[in-house]
Amino acid sequence: MISLFKKLLPREDGFFLLFERHTATVVGAANAMKSLLAGEGDLEAHCQRIIALEDEADDITRDVLQAVRRSFITPFDRGDIKDLIQSLDDAIDMMHKTVKTIRLYEQTSFEPGMREIGVMIAECARLISEAIPLLNKIGANAHRLTEIAEEVMRVEGRSDEFYEKGLKDLYKRYGKTDPMAYIIGSEIYGELEKVVDRFEDVANEISGIVIENV
């Protein structure tokens, strides 16, 4: 009976499979965001892809939270698992919110600084996608996990610079002549910066898990 009961429980490695599936949606959305901001290909198709991936990510998040409740054994602290998957989900949620703003204002071209932040979003997603599988063996991968977290934080610092410069450029060009263009541009800049901030949150969660488990 006990053996049968154990078979019904999620395997410990099942958490990592779910995390990697979620991270794949985040990477896909980040790459679509990068292409959207760069004006590459069908912009509406990029928007639709981000929305679809965000829906998929929500389903995976629910699966993780259910697995946490069902499992007697988890790879690391239950609270850390919840916080990590939620921080990942917040990143893709913020990309979805940005798409809704872009659609609302019917934007089809983007400032150079926005395009640069799009590149940074994709880079953060790539780094996080490298980090997640390494959590399967935290002790052996602690050094690389720490490096990745620090690199994401450096990218976030650079994105702050592009955000501030972008707002200044917008104000110089539109502040007195076209206030609506300034408002729209500053709102999009702000949401893109929040996407990168959410990736920094993921990096902080990873750093915390390393500290607690090494």
Protein backbone atom coordinates (compact mmCIF):
# COMPACT_ATOMS: atom_id res chain seq x y z
CA MET A 1 0.00 0.00 0.00
CA ILE A 2 2.78 2.44 0.91
CA SER A 3 4.62 1.60 -2.31
CA LEU A 4 1.48 2.26 -4.35
CA PHE A 5 0.90 5.54 -2.51
CA LYS A 6 4.43 6.71 -3.29
CA LYS A 7 3.91 5.99 -6.97
CA LEU A 8 0.95 8.38 -6.95
CA LEU A 9 3.08 11.22 -5.60
CA PRO A 10 4.93 13.59 -7.95
CA ARG A 11 8.56 12.62 -8.45
CA GLU A 12 11.07 15.10 -7.07
CA ASP A 13 12.53 15.58 -10.54
CA GLY A 14 9.04 16.41 -11.79
CA PHE A 15 9.45 19.88 -10.32
CA PHE A 16 12.45 20.53 -12.53
CA LEU A 17 10.58 19.35 -15.61
CA LEU A 18 7.80 21.79 -14.80
CA PHE A 19 10.27 24.60 -14.15
CA GLU A 20 12.02 23.94 -17.44
CA ARG A 21 8.69 23.91 -19.29
CA HIS A 22 7.79 27.24 -17.71
CA THR A 23 11.19 28.68 -18.51
CA ALA A 24 10.73 27.65 -22.15
CA THR A 25 7.56 29.76 -22.30
CA VAL A 26 9.42 32.70 -20.78
CA VAL A 27 12.25 32.39 -23.31
CA GLY A 28 9.78 32.12 -26.18
CA ALA A 29 7.90 35.20 -25.01
CA ALA A 30 11.13 37.16 -24.47
CA ASN A 31 12.36 36.35 -27.96
CA ALA A 32 8.99 37.36 -29.40
CA MET A 33 9.17 40.61 -27.44
CA LYS A 34 12.64 41.28 -28.81
CA SER A 35 11.42 40.70 -32.38
CA LEU A 36 8.31 42.80 -31.81
CA LEU A 37 10.31 45.78 -30.58
CA ALA A 38 12.80 45.37 -33.43
CA GLY A 39 9.95 45.51 -35.95
CA GLU A 40 10.84 42.10 -37.37
CA GLY A 41 8.24 40.08 -39.24
CA ASP A 42 4.55 40.05 -38.35
CA LEU A 43 4.17 42.23 -35.25
CA GLU A 44 0.68 40.97 -34.45
CA ALA A 45 1.94 37.38 -34.64
CA HIS A 46 4.58 38.24 -32.02
CA CYS A 47 1.87 39.72 -29.79
CA GLN A 48 -0.29 36.62 -30.19
CA ARG A 49 2.65 34.36 -29.37
CA ILE A 50 3.38 36.21 -26.14
CA ILE A 51 -0.28 35.98 -25.11
CA ALA A 52 -0.46 32.26 -25.90
CA LEU A 53 2.76 31.53 -24.03
CA GLU A 54 1.55 33.51 -21.02
CA ASP A 55 -1.58 31.34 -20.90
CA GLU A 56 0.59 28.22 -21.08
CA ALA A 57 2.84 29.55 -18.31
CA ASP A 58 -0.19 30.11 -16.06
CA ASP A 59 -1.19 26.46 -16.49
CA ILE A 60 2.32 25.27 -15.60
CA THR A 61 2.39 27.54 -12.55
CA ARG A 62 -0.82 25.94 -11.31
CA ASP A 63 0.70 22.50 -11.88
CA VAL A 64 3.73 23.44 -9.78
CA LEU A 65 1.61 24.79 -6.93
CA GLN A 66 -0.54 21.66 -6.96
CA ALA A 67 2.58 19.48 -6.95
CA VAL A 68 3.91 21.35 -3.92
CA ARG A 69 0.70 20.62 -2.03
CA ARG A 70 0.71 16.92 -3.00
CA SER A 71 4.38 16.17 -2.42
CA PHE A 72 5.94 14.90 0.78
CA ILE A 73 9.43 15.40 -0.67
CA THR A 74 10.50 18.50 -2.58
CA PRO A 75 13.94 19.31 -4.04
CA PHE A 76 14.22 22.40 -1.83
CA ASP A 77 12.05 24.46 0.50
CA ARG A 78 8.37 24.59 -0.49
CA GLY A 79 8.24 28.32 0.02
CA ASP A 80 11.22 28.78 -2.29
CA ILE A 81 9.57 26.64 -4.96
CA LYS A 82 6.42 28.77 -4.79
CA ASP A 83 8.41 32.02 -4.86
CA LEU A 84 10.58 30.90 -7.76
CA ILE A 85 7.70 29.79 -10.00
CA GLN A 86 5.75 32.92 -9.11
CA SER A 87 8.68 35.18 -9.97
CA LEU A 88 9.06 33.42 -13.32
CA ASP A 89 5.35 33.82 -13.94
CA ASP A 90 5.51 37.50 -13.00
CA ALA A 91 8.11 38.04 -15.74
CA ILE A 92 5.93 36.63 -18.50
CA ASP A 93 2.85 38.32 -17.03
CA MET A 94 4.64 41.65 -17.35
CA MET A 95 5.47 40.91 -20.98
CA HIS A 96 1.77 40.21 -21.57
CA LYS A 97 0.86 43.51 -19.92
CA THR A 98 3.34 45.31 -22.16
CA VAL A 99 1.74 43.74 -25.23
CA LYS A 100 -1.68 44.95 -24.08
CA THR A 101 -0.33 48.49 -23.79
CA ILE A 102 1.27 48.30 -27.23
CA ARG A 103 -2.01 47.10 -28.70
CA LEU A 104 -4.05 49.70 -26.84
CA TYR A 105 -2.03 52.54 -28.34
CA GLU A 106 -1.64 50.77 -31.70
CA GLN A 107 2.12 51.10 -31.69
CA THR A 108 3.96 49.64 -34.66
CA SER A 109 7.37 51.28 -34.29
CA PHE A 110 9.56 51.61 -31.25
CA GLU A 111 12.32 53.83 -29.92
CA PRO A 112 15.95 52.67 -30.16
CA GLY A 113 16.13 52.41 -26.39
CA MET A 114 13.07 50.16 -26.35
CA ARG A 115 14.71 47.88 -28.87
CA GLU A 116 17.83 47.72 -26.71
CA ILE A 117 15.78 46.79 -23.65
CA GLY A 118 14.11 44.11 -25.78
CA VAL A 119 17.55 42.61 -26.40
CA MET A 120 18.21 42.69 -22.64
CA ILE A 121 14.90 40.96 -21.91
CA ALA A 122 15.90 38.12 -24.24
CA GLU A 123 19.33 37.94 -22.61
CA CYS A 124 17.84 37.74 -19.12
CA ALA A 125 15.53 34.95 -20.26
CA ARG A 126 18.48 33.06 -21.74
CA LEU A 127 20.45 33.35 -18.52
CA ILE A 128 17.52 32.19 -16.40
CA SER A 129 16.94 29.24 -18.74
CA GLU A 130 20.54 28.20 -18.11
CA ALA A 131 20.16 28.56 -14.36
CA ILE A 132 16.97 26.58 -13.78
CA PRO A 133 18.32 23.10 -14.70
CA LEU A 134 21.39 23.76 -12.54
CA LEU A 135 19.16 23.91 -9.45
CA ASN A 136 18.86 20.12 -9.73
CA LYS A 137 22.35 19.94 -8.19
CA ILE A 138 22.70 23.15 -6.27
CA GLY A 139 25.93 22.32 -4.45
CA ALA A 140 27.83 21.34 -7.57
CA ASN A 141 26.48 24.31 -9.53
CA ALA A 142 26.50 26.97 -6.83
CA HIS A 143 29.31 29.01 -8.40
CA ARG A 144 27.71 29.16 -11.84
CA LEU A 145 24.28 29.89 -10.37
CA THR A 146 25.75 32.83 -8.48
CA GLU A 147 27.47 34.08 -11.64
CA ILE A 148 24.22 33.93 -13.58
CA ALA A 149 22.31 35.82 -10.89
CA GLU A 150 24.98 38.53 -10.86
CA GLU A 151 24.91 38.80 -14.66
CA VAL A 152 21.13 39.25 -14.65
CA MET A 153 21.56 42.03 -12.10
CA ARG A 154 24.16 43.71 -14.31
CA VAL A 155 21.79 43.54 -17.27
CA GLU A 156 19.08 45.11 -15.10
CA GLY A 157 21.46 47.93 -14.23
CA ARG A 158 22.11 48.61 -17.92
CA SER A 159 18.39 48.56 -18.65
CA ASP A 160 17.91 51.28 -16.01
CA GLU A 161 20.33 53.46 -17.95
CA PHE A 162 18.47 52.93 -21.24
CA TYR A 163 15.16 53.60 -19.50
CA GLU A 164 16.34 56.91 -18.05
CA LYS A 165 17.98 58.00 -21.29
CA GLY A 166 14.91 56.96 -23.25
CA LEU A 167 12.63 59.11 -21.11
CA LYS A 168 14.92 62.10 -21.52
CA ASP A 169 15.00 61.65 -25.29
CA LEU A 170 11.22 61.34 -25.41
CA TYR A 171 10.78 64.52 -23.40
CA LYS A 172 13.17 66.47 -25.59
CA ARG A 173 11.34 65.39 -28.74
CA TYR A 174 7.72 65.35 -27.60
CA GLY A 175 7.42 66.90 -24.15
CA LYS A 176 6.27 70.30 -25.38
CA THR A 177 4.98 69.49 -28.87
CA ASP A 178 3.22 66.12 -28.56
CA PRO A 179 2.43 65.24 -24.94
CA MET A 180 0.47 62.11 -25.90
CA ALA A 181 3.47 60.66 -27.75
CA TYR A 182 5.55 61.30 -24.64
CA ILE A 183 2.96 59.67 -22.36
CA ILE A 184 2.64 56.59 -24.57
CA GLY A 185 6.39 56.22 -24.99
CA SER A 186 7.10 56.64 -21.29
CA GLU A 187 4.44 54.06 -20.39
CA ILE A 188 5.95 51.48 -22.73
CA TYR A 189 9.44 52.25 -21.45
CA GLY A 190 8.20 51.82 -17.89
CA GLU A 191 6.63 48.45 -18.57
CA LEU A 192 9.69 47.15 -20.40
CA GLU A 193 11.83 48.19 -17.46
CA LYS A 194 9.48 46.29 -15.15
CA VAL A 195 9.95 43.16 -17.27
CA VAL A 196 13.69 43.33 -16.61
CA ASP A 197 12.99 44.03 -12.94
CA ARG A 198 10.94 40.82 -12.77
CA PHE A 199 13.92 38.89 -14.13
CA GLU A 200 16.03 40.44 -11.39
CA ASP A 201 13.47 39.08 -8.93
CA VAL A 202 14.00 35.60 -10.41
CA ALA A 203 17.75 36.03 -10.03
CA ASN A 204 17.29 37.06 -6.40
CA GLU A 205 15.17 33.98 -5.75
CA ILE A 206 17.87 31.79 -7.27
CA SER A 207 20.55 33.47 -5.13
CA GLY A 208 18.46 32.89 -2.02
CA ILE A 209 17.99 29.21 -2.83
CA VAL A 210 21.74 28.79 -3.33
CA ILE A 211 22.50 30.49 -0.01
CA GLU A 212 20.00 28.31 1.86
CA ASN A 213 21.16 25.03 0.33
CA VAL A 214 24.96 25.29 0.17
